[in-house]
Amino acid sequence: MSLVRIAVAAIAASAALTAHAQGNPDAGKGKIFQCQGCHGIPGWKTAFPEVYSVPKLGGQRASYIISALKAYKSGERDFATMRAVVSDLSEQDMADIGAYYERGEGNTTHATTGEKKK
């Protein structure tokens, strides 16, 4: 395969990934109902497998949220509840959810202070 063909294929693949990775925050708002059960409760702590504060998602980078969701879906991150929640999410769903939270929507309470972000 020539270098030109390789370059064209790489550019096309990159463009496809970028286009697919574009999330719609308005669509994401309609897809976070399961997220809010834990991540939307100020000061929420879980007791399984250990007690810890549930991370707040509002303001997180979309790329981080998408990466985490994919890792839960693949089993790379091992948490049964999250794996069940993401099992039916498409890549577009994940991108939309990431875009929604990156926009700063959802619960943005600081886990340590309980104060709202400004």
C-alpha atoms as a PDB file:
ATOM      1  CA  MET A   1       0.000   0.000   0.000  1.00  0.00           C
ATOM      2  CA  SER A   2       1.424   3.385  -0.927  1.00  0.00           C
ATOM      3  CA  LEU A   3       2.062   6.119   1.618  1.00  0.00           C
ATOM      4  CA  VAL A   4      -0.603   8.256  -0.019  1.00  0.00           C
ATOM      5  CA  ARG A   5      -3.232   5.547   0.439  1.00  0.00           C
ATOM      6  CA  ILE A   6      -2.164   5.015   4.036  1.00  0.00           C
ATOM      7  CA  ALA A   7      -2.387   8.761   4.712  1.00  0.00           C
ATOM      8  CA  VAL A   8      -5.819   9.017   3.085  1.00  0.00           C
ATOM      9  CA  ALA A   9      -7.071   6.010   5.059  1.00  0.00           C
ATOM     10  CA  ALA A  10      -5.726   7.492   8.303  1.00  0.00           C
ATOM     11  CA  ILE A  11      -7.367  10.860   7.620  1.00  0.00           C
ATOM     12  CA  ALA A  12     -10.680   9.203   6.751  1.00  0.00           C
ATOM     13  CA  ALA A  13     -10.571   7.057   9.893  1.00  0.00           C
ATOM     14  CA  SER A  14      -9.718  10.074  12.021  1.00  0.00           C
ATOM     15  CA  ALA A  15     -12.563  12.091  10.516  1.00  0.00           C
ATOM     16  CA  ALA A  16     -14.999   9.243  11.117  1.00  0.00           C
ATOM     17  CA  LEU A  17     -13.930   8.942  14.745  1.00  0.00           C
ATOM     18  CA  THR A  18     -14.154  12.687  15.269  1.00  0.00           C
ATOM     19  CA  ALA A  19     -17.592  12.855  13.672  1.00  0.00           C
ATOM     20  CA  HIS A  20     -18.847   9.945  15.739  1.00  0.00           C
ATOM     21  CA  ALA A  21     -17.340  11.327  18.928  1.00  0.00           C
ATOM     22  CA  GLN A  22     -19.338  14.569  18.662  1.00  0.00           C
ATOM     23  CA  GLY A  23     -21.886  14.493  21.407  1.00  0.00           C
ATOM     24  CA  ASN A  24     -25.108  16.444  21.624  1.00  0.00           C
ATOM     25  CA  PRO A  25     -25.550  17.815  25.145  1.00  0.00           C
ATOM     26  CA  ASP A  26     -29.287  18.343  24.621  1.00  0.00           C
ATOM     27  CA  ALA A  27     -29.683  14.692  23.616  1.00  0.00           C
ATOM     28  CA  GLY A  28     -27.470  13.722  26.555  1.00  0.00           C
ATOM     29  CA  LYS A  29     -29.850  15.395  28.983  1.00  0.00           C
ATOM     30  CA  GLY A  30     -32.451  12.802  28.051  1.00  0.00           C
ATOM     31  CA  LYS A  31     -30.033   9.925  28.590  1.00  0.00           C
ATOM     32  CA  ILE A  32     -28.781  10.557  32.138  1.00  0.00           C
ATOM     33  CA  PHE A  33     -31.738   9.230  34.116  1.00  0.00           C
ATOM     34  CA  GLN A  34     -29.733   6.243  35.376  1.00  0.00           C
ATOM     35  CA  CYS A  35     -26.684   8.402  36.118  1.00  0.00           C
ATOM     36  CA  GLN A  36     -28.673  10.715  38.363  1.00  0.00           C
ATOM     37  CA  GLY A  37     -29.644   7.865  40.682  1.00  0.00           C
ATOM     38  CA  CYS A  38     -26.169   8.050  42.243  1.00  0.00           C
ATOM     39  CA  HIS A  39     -24.197  10.869  40.639  1.00  0.00           C
ATOM     40  CA  GLY A  40     -27.003  13.398  41.016  1.00  0.00           C
ATOM     41  CA  ILE A  41     -27.415  13.174  44.776  1.00  0.00           C
ATOM     42  CA  PRO A  42     -25.325  15.731  46.684  1.00  0.00           C
ATOM     43  CA  GLY A  43     -23.048  14.031  49.209  1.00  0.00           C
ATOM     44  CA  TRP A  44     -24.089  10.516  48.123  1.00  0.00           C
ATOM     45  CA  LYS A  45     -21.889   7.685  49.341  1.00  0.00           C
ATOM     46  CA  THR A  46     -22.054   4.074  48.367  1.00  0.00           C
ATOM     47  CA  ALA A  47     -21.342   1.152  50.663  1.00  0.00           C
ATOM     48  CA  PHE A  48     -20.330  -1.480  48.121  1.00  0.00           C
ATOM     49  CA  PRO A  49     -17.689  -2.688  47.668  1.00  0.00           C
ATOM     50  CA  GLU A  50     -16.465  -0.047  50.122  1.00  0.00           C
ATOM     51  CA  VAL A  51     -17.737   3.279  51.412  1.00  0.00           C
ATOM     52  CA  TYR A  52     -16.740   6.160  49.140  1.00  0.00           C
ATOM     53  CA  SER A  53     -18.198   9.398  47.839  1.00  0.00           C
ATOM     54  CA  VAL A  54     -19.762   8.999  44.415  1.00  0.00           C
ATOM     55  CA  PRO A  55     -17.982  11.281  41.934  1.00  0.00           C
ATOM     56  CA  LYS A  56     -19.858  14.272  40.583  1.00  0.00           C
ATOM     57  CA  LEU A  57     -19.959  14.437  36.800  1.00  0.00           C
ATOM     58  CA  GLY A  58     -20.958  18.014  35.983  1.00  0.00           C
ATOM     59  CA  GLY A  59     -18.000  19.881  34.490  1.00  0.00           C
ATOM     60  CA  GLN A  60     -15.933  16.763  33.737  1.00  0.00           C
ATOM     61  CA  ARG A  61     -14.371  16.527  30.302  1.00  0.00           C
ATOM     62  CA  ALA A  62     -16.470  14.588  27.815  1.00  0.00           C
ATOM     63  CA  SER A  63     -13.435  12.564  26.744  1.00  0.00           C
ATOM     64  CA  TYR A  64     -12.931  11.374  30.335  1.00  0.00           C
ATOM     65  CA  ILE A  65     -16.587  10.397  30.765  1.00  0.00           C
ATOM     66  CA  ILE A  66     -16.659   8.577  27.428  1.00  0.00           C
ATOM     67  CA  SER A  67     -13.437   6.739  28.251  1.00  0.00           C
ATOM     68  CA  ALA A  68     -14.771   5.704  31.656  1.00  0.00           C
ATOM     69  CA  LEU A  69     -18.098   4.525  30.233  1.00  0.00           C
ATOM     70  CA  LYS A  70     -16.324   2.453  27.581  1.00  0.00           C
ATOM     71  CA  ALA A  71     -14.045   0.940  30.229  1.00  0.00           C
ATOM     72  CA  TYR A  72     -17.045  -0.077  32.346  1.00  0.00           C
ATOM     73  CA  LYS A  73     -18.807  -1.540  29.320  1.00  0.00           C
ATOM     74  CA  SER A  74     -15.754  -3.582  28.289  1.00  0.00           C
ATOM     75  CA  GLY A  75     -15.070  -4.775  31.830  1.00  0.00           C
ATOM     76  CA  GLU A  76     -11.734  -2.939  31.976  1.00  0.00           C
ATOM     77  CA  ARG A  77     -13.192  -1.074  34.969  1.00  0.00           C
ATOM     78  CA  ASP A  78     -14.800  -3.555  37.298  1.00  0.00           C
ATOM     79  CA  PHE A  79     -17.917  -2.229  38.990  1.00  0.00           C
ATOM     80  CA  ALA A  80     -21.036  -4.333  38.461  1.00  0.00           C
ATOM     81  CA  THR A  81     -23.534  -1.495  38.860  1.00  0.00           C
ATOM     82  CA  MET A  82     -21.812   0.721  36.297  1.00  0.00           C
ATOM     83  CA  ARG A  83     -21.340  -2.175  33.900  1.00  0.00           C
ATOM     84  CA  ALA A  84     -25.075  -2.899  34.047  1.00  0.00           C
ATOM     85  CA  VAL A  85     -25.949   0.779  33.533  1.00  0.00           C
ATOM     86  CA  VAL A  86     -23.724   1.169  30.454  1.00  0.00           C
ATOM     87  CA  SER A  87     -24.400  -2.229  28.908  1.00  0.00           C
ATOM     88  CA  ASP A  88     -27.031  -0.866  26.509  1.00  0.00           C
ATOM     89  CA  LEU A  89     -25.365   2.485  25.746  1.00  0.00           C
ATOM     90  CA  SER A  90     -24.175   3.068  22.205  1.00  0.00           C
ATOM     91  CA  GLU A  91     -21.051   5.104  21.466  1.00  0.00           C
ATOM     92  CA  GLN A  92     -23.331   7.979  20.454  1.00  0.00           C
ATOM     93  CA  ASP A  93     -25.180   7.723  23.786  1.00  0.00           C
ATOM     94  CA  MET A  94     -21.837   7.928  25.596  1.00  0.00           C
ATOM     95  CA  ALA A  95     -20.771  10.936  23.515  1.00  0.00           C
ATOM     96  CA  ASP A  96     -24.080  12.688  24.227  1.00  0.00           C
ATOM     97  CA  ILE A  97     -23.822  12.018  27.963  1.00  0.00           C
ATOM     98  CA  GLY A  98     -20.218  13.215  27.981  1.00  0.00           C
ATOM     99  CA  ALA A  99     -21.191  16.419  26.143  1.00  0.00           C
ATOM    100  CA  TYR A 100     -24.020  17.054  28.591  1.00  0.00           C
ATOM    101  CA  TYR A 101     -21.823  16.762  31.656  1.00  0.00           C
ATOM    102  CA  GLU A 102     -18.914  18.642  30.072  1.00  0.00           C
ATOM    103  CA  ARG A 103     -21.261  21.574  29.526  1.00  0.00           C
ATOM    104  CA  GLY A 104     -21.393  21.757  33.321  1.00  0.00           C
ATOM    105  CA  GLU A 105     -24.919  20.470  33.648  1.00  0.00           C
ATOM    106  CA  GLY A 106     -26.111  17.953  36.156  1.00  0.00           C
ATOM    107  CA  ASN A 107     -25.088  17.987  39.761  1.00  0.00           C
ATOM    108  CA  THR A 108     -21.879  19.967  40.152  1.00  0.00           C
ATOM    109  CA  THR A 109     -21.609  19.805  43.917  1.00  0.00           C
ATOM    110  CA  HIS A 110     -18.060  19.489  45.173  1.00  0.00           C
ATOM    111  CA  ALA A 111     -17.776  16.177  47.013  1.00  0.00           C
ATOM    112  CA  THR A 112     -15.493  17.641  49.680  1.00  0.00           C
ATOM    113  CA  THR A 113     -17.218  20.936  50.485  1.00  0.00           C
ATOM    114  CA  GLY A 114     -20.838  20.470  49.477  1.00  0.00           C
ATOM    115  CA  GLU A 115     -20.697  23.902  47.800  1.00  0.00           C
ATOM    116  CA  LYS A 116     -22.038  24.534  44.337  1.00  0.00           C
ATOM    117  CA  LYS A 117     -19.575  25.459  41.595  1.00  0.00           C
ATOM    118  CA  LYS A 118     -19.896  29.021  40.327  1.00  0.00           C
END
